[in-house]
Protein backbone atom coordinates (compact mmCIF):
# COMPACT_ATOMS: atom_id res chain seq x y z
CA UNK A 1 0.00 0.00 0.00
CA UNK A 2 2.80 2.42 0.91
CA UNK A 3 4.47 1.82 -2.46
CA UNK A 4 1.21 2.59 -4.24
CA UNK A 5 0.72 5.74 -2.18
CA UNK A 6 4.23 6.90 -3.01
CA UNK A 7 3.58 6.31 -6.71
CA UNK A 8 0.37 8.32 -6.48
CA UNK A 9 2.17 11.25 -4.87
CA UNK A 10 4.81 11.12 -7.57
CA UNK A 11 2.04 11.13 -10.14
CA UNK A 12 0.70 14.37 -8.74
CA UNK A 13 4.05 16.14 -8.73
CA UNK A 14 5.81 14.69 -11.76
CA UNK A 15 4.76 17.46 -14.12
CA UNK A 16 4.17 20.27 -11.67
CA UNK A 17 6.49 22.90 -13.16
CA UNK A 18 4.14 24.62 -15.64
CA UNK A 19 0.96 24.15 -13.59
CA UNK A 20 -2.24 24.81 -15.46
CA UNK A 21 -3.55 26.76 -12.50
CA UNK A 22 -0.90 29.44 -13.02
CA UNK A 23 -1.35 29.86 -16.74
CA UNK A 24 -2.27 33.25 -18.10
CA UNK A 25 -4.28 32.94 -21.33
CA UNK A 26 -3.32 36.49 -22.30
CA UNK A 27 0.42 35.99 -21.87
CA UNK A 28 2.21 37.43 -24.94
CA UNK A 29 4.13 35.19 -27.30
CA UNK A 30 7.79 35.94 -26.72
CA UNK A 31 10.52 35.78 -29.34
CA UNK A 32 11.99 32.79 -27.47
CA UNK A 33 8.69 30.92 -27.76
CA UNK A 34 8.49 31.68 -31.47
CA UNK A 35 12.04 30.43 -31.86
CA UNK A 36 11.32 27.20 -29.97
CA UNK A 37 8.19 26.51 -32.01
CA UNK A 38 9.97 26.94 -35.33
CA UNK A 39 11.19 23.37 -34.97
CA UNK A 40 7.66 21.94 -34.79
CA UNK A 41 5.20 20.77 -37.40
CA UNK A 42 2.35 22.71 -35.78
CA UNK A 43 3.78 26.05 -34.62
CA UNK A 44 0.46 27.78 -33.87
CA UNK A 45 -0.72 25.38 -31.12
CA UNK A 46 2.88 25.23 -29.93
CA UNK A 47 3.01 28.99 -29.41
CA UNK A 48 -0.38 29.01 -27.73
CA UNK A 49 0.61 26.21 -25.38
CA UNK A 50 3.97 27.65 -24.36
CA UNK A 51 2.60 31.17 -23.94
CA UNK A 52 0.10 29.83 -21.37
CA UNK A 53 2.72 27.95 -19.36
CA UNK A 54 4.63 29.34 -16.39
CA UNK A 55 8.11 29.20 -17.83
CA UNK A 56 10.98 30.39 -15.63
CA UNK A 57 12.80 33.66 -16.39
CA UNK A 58 15.27 33.22 -19.24
CA UNK A 59 14.02 29.71 -20.09
CA UNK A 60 16.40 27.21 -21.63
CA UNK A 61 15.62 24.91 -24.53
CA UNK A 62 15.02 22.07 -22.06
CA UNK A 63 12.54 24.27 -20.17
CA UNK A 64 10.53 24.63 -23.36
CA UNK A 65 10.68 20.88 -23.98
CA UNK A 66 9.54 20.11 -20.43
CA UNK A 67 6.71 22.61 -20.76
CA UNK A 68 5.55 21.07 -24.04
CA UNK A 69 5.77 17.63 -22.46
CA UNK A 70 3.78 18.77 -19.44
CA UNK A 71 1.07 20.26 -21.63
CA UNK A 72 0.88 17.01 -23.59
CA UNK A 73 0.53 15.04 -20.37
CA UNK A 74 -2.25 17.35 -19.08
CA UNK A 75 -4.15 16.85 -22.31
CA UNK A 76 -3.58 13.10 -22.17
CA UNK A 77 -5.26 12.94 -18.74
CA UNK A 78 -8.28 14.78 -20.13
CA UNK A 79 -8.33 12.47 -23.15
CA UNK A 80 -8.29 9.44 -20.86
CA UNK A 81 -11.30 10.83 -19.00
CA UNK A 82 -13.22 11.44 -22.23
CA UNK A 83 -12.50 7.92 -23.50
CA UNK A 84 -13.58 6.44 -20.15
CA UNK A 85 -16.89 8.28 -20.51
CA UNK A 86 -17.39 6.77 -23.97
CA UNK A 87 -16.76 3.31 -22.53
CA UNK A 88 -19.21 3.87 -19.67
CA UNK A 89 -21.95 4.90 -22.12
CA UNK A 90 -21.38 2.13 -24.66
CA UNK A 91 -23.15 -0.79 -23.01
CA UNK A 92 -25.06 -2.79 -25.58
CA UNK A 93 -22.87 -1.65 -28.47
CA UNK A 94 -20.13 -4.26 -28.86
CA UNK A 95 -18.14 -2.41 -31.53
CA UNK A 96 -18.12 0.84 -29.58
CA UNK A 97 -17.24 -0.99 -26.36
CA UNK A 98 -14.33 -2.73 -28.06
CA UNK A 99 -13.01 0.50 -29.56
CA UNK A 100 -13.34 2.39 -26.28
CA UNK A 101 -11.70 -0.43 -24.32
CA UNK A 102 -8.79 -0.47 -26.75
CA UNK A 103 -8.53 3.29 -26.41
CA UNK A 104 -8.46 3.13 -22.61
CA UNK A 105 -5.64 0.60 -22.76
CA UNK A 106 -3.71 2.47 -25.46
CA UNK A 107 -3.81 5.75 -23.56
CA UNK A 108 -2.69 3.94 -20.41
CA UNK A 109 0.36 2.77 -22.36
CA UNK A 110 0.91 6.33 -23.50
CA UNK A 111 0.72 7.58 -19.92
CA UNK A 112 3.53 5.19 -19.02
CA UNK A 113 5.66 6.17 -22.01
CA UNK A 114 5.33 9.90 -21.36
CA UNK A 115 6.45 9.32 -17.78
CA UNK A 116 9.42 7.40 -19.17
CA UNK A 117 10.09 10.36 -21.46
CA UNK A 118 10.14 12.75 -18.52
CA UNK A 119 12.47 10.47 -16.58
CA UNK A 120 14.83 10.15 -19.55
CA UNK A 121 14.99 13.93 -19.95
CA UNK A 122 15.85 14.31 -16.27
CA UNK A 123 18.73 11.86 -16.72
CA UNK A 124 19.98 13.53 -19.90
CA UNK A 125 18.99 10.54 -22.07
CA UNK A 126 17.57 12.49 -25.00
CA UNK A 127 17.54 9.56 -27.44
CA UNK A 128 15.59 7.45 -24.94
CA UNK A 129 13.19 10.35 -24.48
CA UNK A 130 12.67 10.52 -28.24
CA UNK A 131 11.96 6.79 -28.38
CA UNK A 132 9.34 6.91 -25.62
CA UNK A 133 7.69 10.03 -27.02
CA UNK A 134 7.59 8.45 -30.46
CA UNK A 135 5.69 5.54 -28.94
CA UNK A 136 3.26 7.91 -27.21
CA UNK A 137 2.58 9.68 -30.49
CA UNK A 138 1.74 6.35 -32.10
CA UNK A 139 -0.61 5.47 -29.24
CA UNK A 140 -2.51 8.75 -29.55
CA UNK A 141 -3.04 8.24 -33.24
CA UNK A 142 -4.00 4.62 -32.58
CA UNK A 143 -6.75 5.67 -30.20
CA UNK A 144 -8.06 8.22 -32.69
CA UNK A 145 -8.06 5.54 -35.40
CA UNK A 146 -9.97 3.10 -33.18
CA UNK A 147 -12.74 5.62 -32.58
CA UNK A 148 -12.94 6.59 -36.24
CA UNK A 149 -14.82 3.39 -37.06
CA UNK A 150 -17.48 3.90 -34.36
CA UNK A 151 -17.96 7.65 -34.70
CA UNK A 152 -21.73 7.63 -34.18
CA UNK A 153 -22.21 10.10 -31.31
CA UNK A 154 -21.34 13.73 -30.60
CA UNK A 155 -19.19 12.64 -27.67
CA UNK A 156 -17.06 10.42 -29.89
CA UNK A 157 -16.72 13.20 -32.47
CA UNK A 158 -15.71 15.66 -29.77
CA UNK A 159 -13.22 13.16 -28.33
CA UNK A 160 -11.70 12.53 -31.75
CA UNK A 161 -11.21 16.27 -32.25
CA UNK A 162 -9.53 16.46 -28.87
CA UNK A 163 -7.29 13.48 -29.68
CA UNK A 164 -6.33 15.15 -32.95
CA UNK A 165 -5.18 18.20 -30.97
CA UNK A 166 -3.38 15.91 -28.51
CA UNK A 167 -1.54 14.28 -31.40
CA UNK A 168 -0.37 17.70 -32.62
CA UNK A 169 0.90 18.66 -29.16
CA UNK A 170 2.67 15.32 -28.84
CA UNK A 171 4.27 15.83 -32.24
CA UNK A 172 5.44 19.30 -31.23
CA UNK A 173 7.07 18.07 -28.03
CA UNK A 174 8.79 15.30 -29.98
CA UNK A 175 9.98 17.76 -32.67
CA UNK A 176 11.62 19.90 -30.00
CA UNK A 177 13.43 16.84 -28.66
CA UNK A 178 14.65 15.96 -32.14
CA UNK A 179 15.90 19.52 -32.65
CA UNK A 180 17.64 19.47 -29.27
CA UNK A 181 19.24 16.12 -30.05
CA UNK A 182 20.41 17.16 -33.51
CA UNK A 183 21.43 20.77 -32.98
CA UNK A 184 22.04 21.20 -29.26
CA UNK A 185 20.66 23.55 -26.65
CA UNK A 186 20.92 26.73 -28.74
CA UNK A 187 17.41 27.10 -30.15
CA UNK A 188 18.68 29.48 -32.80
CA UNK A 189 20.33 26.41 -34.33
CA UNK A 190 17.05 24.50 -34.55
CA UNK A 191 15.21 25.93 -37.54
CA UNK A 192 15.75 29.21 -39.37
CA UNK A 193 13.06 28.94 -42.04
CA UNK A 194 10.32 26.48 -42.95
CA UNK A 195 9.30 25.36 -46.44
CA UNK A 196 5.69 24.28 -46.89
CA UNK A 197 4.31 23.10 -50.23
CA UNK A 198 0.87 24.60 -49.56
CA UNK A 199 2.23 27.69 -47.82
CA UNK A 200 0.67 26.80 -44.48
CA UNK A 201 2.92 27.22 -41.48
CA UNK A 202 5.94 28.03 -43.63
CA UNK A 203 8.11 30.93 -44.71
CA UNK A 204 8.51 29.74 -48.30
CA UNK A 205 6.79 27.46 -50.78
CA UNK A 206 9.94 26.25 -52.54
CA UNK A 207 13.24 24.88 -51.30
CA UNK A 208 15.24 27.17 -53.57
CA UNK A 209 13.59 30.27 -52.09
CA UNK A 210 14.68 29.11 -48.65
CA UNK A 211 18.23 28.49 -49.85
CA UNK A 212 18.31 31.97 -51.36
CA UNK A 213 17.42 33.37 -47.93
CA UNK A 214 20.51 31.86 -46.34
CA UNK A 215 23.29 34.35 -45.57
CA UNK A 216 26.27 34.54 -47.92
CA UNK A 217 29.67 33.44 -46.62
CA UNK A 218 28.80 33.41 -42.92
CA UNK A 219 31.78 34.24 -40.74
CA UNK A 220 30.67 31.88 -37.99
CA UNK A 221 30.15 28.14 -38.23
CA UNK A 222 26.49 28.54 -37.36
CA UNK A 223 24.23 26.43 -39.52
CA UNK A 224 21.25 27.77 -41.48
CA UNK A 225 18.58 25.14 -40.90
CA UNK A 226 15.80 24.76 -43.48
CA UNK A 227 12.90 22.59 -42.34
CA UNK A 228 11.16 21.16 -45.42
CA UNK A 229 7.68 19.92 -44.56
CA UNK A 230 6.18 16.78 -46.02
CA UNK A 231 5.29 17.14 -49.69
CA UNK A 232 6.56 16.67 -53.24
CA UNK A 233 8.67 19.62 -54.38
CA UNK A 234 9.09 19.59 -58.16
CA UNK A 235 12.10 21.83 -58.60
CA UNK A 236 15.80 21.96 -59.28
CA UNK A 237 17.71 23.10 -56.20
CA UNK A 238 21.14 24.69 -56.18
CA UNK A 239 23.13 25.57 -53.06
CA UNK A 240 25.84 27.90 -54.41
CA UNK A 241 29.38 28.17 -53.13
CA UNK A 242 28.69 31.18 -50.90
CA UNK A 243 25.79 29.54 -49.00
CA UNK A 244 27.87 27.63 -46.47
CA UNK A 245 26.52 25.50 -43.61
CA UNK A 246 23.02 24.99 -45.02
CA UNK A 247 21.00 22.14 -43.48
CA UNK A 248 17.98 20.45 -45.10
CA UNK A 249 15.74 18.84 -42.46
CA UNK A 250 12.82 16.84 -43.88
CA UNK A 251 9.92 14.89 -42.40
CA UNK A 252 11.41 11.57 -43.49
CA UNK A 253 12.27 9.49 -46.54
CA UNK A 254 9.29 9.21 -48.84
CA UNK A 255 7.56 12.11 -47.10
CA UNK A 256 9.70 15.11 -48.01
CA UNK A 257 10.55 14.60 -51.69
CA UNK A 258 12.55 16.86 -54.00
CA UNK A 259 12.12 15.68 -57.58
CA UNK A 260 13.33 16.62 -61.05
CA UNK A 261 13.89 15.08 -64.48
CA UNK A 262 16.81 16.90 -66.14
CA UNK A 263 18.93 14.62 -68.35
CA UNK A 264 21.72 14.80 -70.91
CA UNK A 265 19.38 14.24 -73.86
CA UNK A 266 17.94 17.69 -73.24
CA UNK A 267 19.46 20.44 -75.37
CA UNK A 268 22.28 22.24 -73.59
CA UNK A 269 22.29 19.94 -70.54
CA UNK A 270 25.42 18.11 -69.37
CA UNK A 271 25.70 15.44 -66.68
CA UNK A 272 26.78 18.12 -64.20
CA UNK A 273 23.61 20.12 -64.87
CA UNK A 274 21.18 17.22 -64.51
CA UNK A 275 21.28 17.02 -60.71
CA UNK A 276 17.94 17.59 -59.03
CA UNK A 277 19.85 18.89 -56.01
CA UNK A 278 23.33 20.29 -56.61
CA UNK A 279 25.59 21.40 -53.76
CA UNK A 280 28.68 23.57 -54.13
CA UNK A 281 28.81 25.09 -50.63
CA UNK A 282 30.84 23.52 -47.85
CA UNK A 283 29.22 22.30 -44.65
CA UNK A 284 26.01 21.06 -46.29
CA UNK A 285 23.94 18.62 -44.25
CA UNK A 286 20.67 16.83 -44.94
CA UNK A 287 18.43 14.51 -43.02
CA UNK A 288 15.10 12.79 -43.54
CA UNK A 289 14.21 13.33 -47.19
CA UNK A 290 14.12 11.79 -50.66
CA UNK A 291 15.90 13.28 -53.68
CA UNK A 292 15.09 11.78 -57.05
CA UNK A 293 15.54 12.17 -60.78
CA UNK A 294 12.71 10.57 -62.74
CA UNK A 295 14.24 10.86 -66.22
CA UNK A 296 14.86 7.10 -66.53
CA UNK A 297 17.70 5.13 -68.18
CA UNK A 298 16.73 5.74 -71.82
CA UNK A 299 17.98 9.33 -71.63
CA UNK A 300 21.37 8.26 -70.25
CA UNK A 301 22.91 10.32 -67.45
CA UNK A 302 20.39 11.83 -65.05
CA UNK A 303 21.68 12.69 -61.58
CA UNK A 304 19.56 12.92 -58.44
CA UNK A 305 22.14 14.42 -56.05
CA UNK A 306 25.48 16.03 -56.82
CA UNK A 307 27.69 17.33 -54.04
CA UNK A 308 31.00 19.19 -54.17
CA UNK A 309 30.66 20.06 -50.49
CA UNK A 310 33.43 19.49 -47.98
CA UNK A 311 32.51 18.75 -44.34
CA UNK A 312 29.15 17.39 -45.49
CA UNK A 313 26.83 14.88 -43.81
CA UNK A 314 23.78 13.21 -45.36
CA UNK A 315 21.78 11.04 -42.95
CA UNK A 316 18.60 8.98 -43.40
CA UNK A 317 18.10 10.22 -46.95
CA UNK A 318 17.04 8.37 -50.06
CA UNK A 319 18.51 8.95 -53.51
CA UNK A 320 16.50 7.54 -56.40
CA UNK A 321 17.92 7.60 -59.80
CA UNK A 322 31.16 10.35 -49.67
CA UNK A 323 30.71 8.00 -47.06
CA UNK A 324 27.53 5.97 -46.93
CA UNK A 325 27.11 4.41 -43.49
CA UNK A 326 24.19 2.38 -42.09
CA UNK A 327 22.09 2.98 -45.21
CA UNK A 328 19.72 0.98 -47.38
CA UNK A 329 20.35 0.95 -51.14
CA UNK A 330 17.45 -0.34 -53.25
CA UNK A 331 17.53 -0.93 -57.00
CA UNK A 332 14.25 0.12 -58.64
CA UNK A 333 12.99 -0.95 -62.09
CA UNK A 334 13.37 1.39 -65.05
CA UNK A 335 10.24 3.39 -65.72
CA UNK A 336 9.86 2.46 -69.40
CA UNK A 337 9.75 -1.21 -70.40
CA UNK A 338 11.17 -2.54 -67.14
CA UNK A 339 10.88 -6.10 -68.40
CA UNK A 340 13.69 -5.41 -70.90
CA UNK A 341 16.21 -5.19 -68.09
CA UNK A 342 19.36 -3.09 -67.77
CA UNK A 343 22.93 -3.11 -66.50
CA UNK A 344 22.95 -1.14 -63.26
CA UNK A 345 25.93 0.15 -61.27
CA UNK A 346 25.40 1.36 -57.71
CA UNK A 347 28.39 3.70 -57.75
CA UNK A 348 30.71 5.50 -60.17
CA UNK A 349 33.45 7.90 -59.13
CA UNK A 350 35.32 10.58 -61.09
CA UNK A 351 38.77 10.51 -59.46
CA UNK A 352 41.32 11.78 -61.98
CA UNK A 353 44.55 11.72 -59.96
CA UNK A 354 45.95 9.21 -57.45
CA UNK A 355 46.84 12.08 -55.10
CA UNK A 356 43.17 13.00 -54.69
CA UNK A 357 41.76 11.98 -51.30
CA UNK A 358 38.34 11.32 -52.80
CA UNK A 359 36.46 8.04 -52.90
CA UNK A 360 33.19 6.35 -52.00
CA UNK A 361 32.94 4.19 -48.89
CA UNK A 362 29.82 2.09 -48.25
CA UNK A 363 29.79 0.77 -44.69
CA UNK A 364 27.12 -1.33 -42.93
CA UNK A 365 24.70 -0.87 -45.83
CA UNK A 366 21.95 -3.14 -47.17
CA UNK A 367 21.96 -3.60 -50.95
CA UNK A 368 18.75 -5.02 -52.34
CA UNK A 369 15.99 -4.31 -54.84
CA UNK A 370 12.50 -3.00 -54.38
CA UNK A 371 9.79 -5.68 -54.29
CA UNK A 372 8.75 -4.68 -57.81
CA UNK A 373 12.28 -4.88 -59.15
CA UNK A 374 12.97 -8.25 -57.54
CA UNK A 375 9.95 -9.73 -59.33
CA UNK A 376 11.46 -8.67 -62.66
CA UNK A 377 14.91 -9.84 -61.58
CA UNK A 378 13.84 -13.33 -60.55
CA UNK A 379 11.81 -13.75 -63.75
CA UNK A 380 15.00 -13.42 -65.82
CA UNK A 381 18.27 -12.70 -63.94
CA UNK A 382 20.26 -12.66 -67.19
CA UNK A 383 18.45 -9.51 -68.32
CA UNK A 384 18.74 -7.65 -65.02
CA UNK A 385 22.39 -7.27 -64.08
CA UNK A 386 23.48 -5.27 -61.05
CA UNK A 387 27.01 -4.35 -60.09
CA UNK A 388 28.60 -2.64 -57.11
CA UNK A 389 30.25 -0.03 -59.30
CA UNK A 390 32.07 0.89 -62.47
CA UNK A 391 34.91 3.31 -63.30
CA UNK A 392 34.08 6.82 -64.42
CA UNK A 393 37.53 8.38 -64.34
CA UNK A 394 40.96 6.77 -64.38
CA UNK A 395 41.59 6.49 -60.62
CA UNK A 396 38.11 5.61 -59.40
CA UNK A 397 38.09 4.35 -55.79
CA UNK A 398 35.05 2.58 -54.28
CA UNK A 399 34.88 0.20 -51.32
CA UNK A 400 32.14 -1.81 -49.61
CA UNK A 401 32.74 -2.80 -45.97
CA UNK A 402 30.51 -5.01 -43.79
CA UNK A 403 27.52 -4.63 -46.11
CA UNK A 404 24.68 -7.08 -46.73
CA UNK A 405 24.39 -7.89 -50.45
CA UNK A 406 21.32 -9.72 -51.67
CA UNK A 407 21.25 -12.05 -54.67
CA UNK A 408 20.67 -9.35 -57.28
CA UNK A 409 24.41 -8.47 -57.26
CA UNK A 410 26.13 -10.12 -60.24
CA UNK A 411 28.87 -12.64 -59.31
CA UNK A 412 31.42 -10.45 -61.15
CA UNK A 413 30.70 -7.75 -58.59
CA UNK A 414 32.06 -4.90 -60.71
CA UNK A 415 31.32 -3.70 -64.25
CA UNK A 416 33.82 -2.35 -66.81
CA UNK A 417 32.84 0.86 -68.55
CA UNK A 418 34.75 1.13 -71.81
CA UNK A 419 36.89 -1.89 -72.61
CA UNK A 420 39.87 -1.99 -70.27
CA UNK A 421 39.66 1.72 -69.40
CA UNK A 422 40.93 2.37 -65.83
CA UNK A 423 41.05 -1.32 -64.92
CA UNK A 424 44.74 -1.07 -64.01
CA UNK A 425 44.48 2.20 -62.08
CA UNK A 426 41.20 1.96 -60.17
CA UNK A 427 40.70 0.51 -56.71
CA UNK A 428 37.46 -1.40 -56.09
CA UNK A 429 37.60 -3.12 -52.72
CA UNK A 430 35.48 -5.29 -50.43
CA UNK A 431 35.75 -6.52 -46.86
CA UNK A 432 33.51 -8.49 -44.52
CA UNK A 433 30.37 -8.36 -46.64
CA UNK A 434 27.62 -10.95 -46.22
CA UNK A 435 24.63 -12.24 -48.15
CA UNK A 436 24.28 -14.19 -51.40
CA UNK A 437 25.65 -11.32 -53.49
CA UNK A 438 28.86 -11.05 -51.47
CA UNK A 439 30.55 -14.27 -52.66
CA UNK A 440 33.99 -13.23 -53.94
CA UNK A 441 35.09 -16.42 -55.69
CA UNK A 442 33.85 -15.20 -59.09
CA UNK A 443 34.74 -11.52 -58.75
CA UNK A 444 36.54 -9.82 -61.65
CA UNK A 445 40.33 -10.02 -61.46
CA UNK A 446 40.71 -6.24 -61.21
CA UNK A 447 38.79 -5.98 -57.91
CA UNK A 448 40.43 -6.34 -54.50
CA UNK A 449 39.79 -7.82 -51.09
CA UNK A 450 40.87 -5.29 -48.46
CA UNK A 451 43.36 -6.68 -45.89
CA UNK A 452 42.08 -6.24 -42.35
CA UNK A 453 45.15 -4.22 -41.39
CA UNK A 454 44.19 -1.64 -44.03
CA UNK A 455 40.60 -1.13 -42.89
CA UNK A 456 41.48 1.98 -40.89
CA UNK A 457 42.23 3.73 -44.18
CA UNK A 458 38.51 3.73 -44.94
CA UNK A 459 37.18 4.55 -41.48
CA UNK A 460 35.09 7.65 -40.78
CA UNK A 461 37.90 8.99 -38.61
CA UNK A 462 40.65 8.54 -41.20
CA UNK A 463 38.96 8.78 -44.60
CA UNK A 464 36.92 11.95 -43.96
CA UNK A 465 38.23 12.98 -40.51
CA UNK A 466 34.64 12.71 -39.36
CA UNK A 467 35.50 12.73 -35.68
CA UNK A 468 36.69 16.32 -36.09
CA UNK A 469 33.59 17.84 -37.67
CA UNK A 470 30.56 15.52 -37.73
CA UNK A 471 28.22 16.63 -34.89
CA UNK A 472 28.24 14.08 -32.08
CA UNK A 473 24.42 13.96 -32.09
CA UNK A 474 24.53 12.62 -35.65
Foldseek 3Di string as FASTA:
>chain_A
DVVVVVVVVCVVCVLPQFDLVQFDQPQDQDPVQQLLLLLFPDSPVSSSQVSRTDQDPPHWLVSSLSSLLSVLLVLLVVLLVLLVVQCVPQPPPVLSVVLSVLLNVLSVLLNVLSSVLSVCVVVVNLVSNLVSLVSSLVSLVVSLVSLVVVPDDPSSVVSSVSSVVSSRSSRSSSSSSVQCLQQNGPSNLRADWEADCVPPPGDHNAPQVLLVPADFQDPDLRAHEYEYEFDEHEAAHENDARRARYEYEYPAEPGAEQEYADAPLDPPDDLQRQESYEYNYANYEYEGYEFEHQNWPVRPRHHRYHYPYALYYYYRYHYPVAEAEQEEAAAEATPPPSLQADEEEPDEDADADPVDLDAYEYEAYEYYYDPVNVVSCVVPVVRHEYAHHEYDYQAYEYEYEQYEYEPRHDLQRYDYDPPCRNLVRYEYEYENYDYNNPDNPNHDPSYYYDPPVCVVCPDCCNSRVCVVRPDPSD
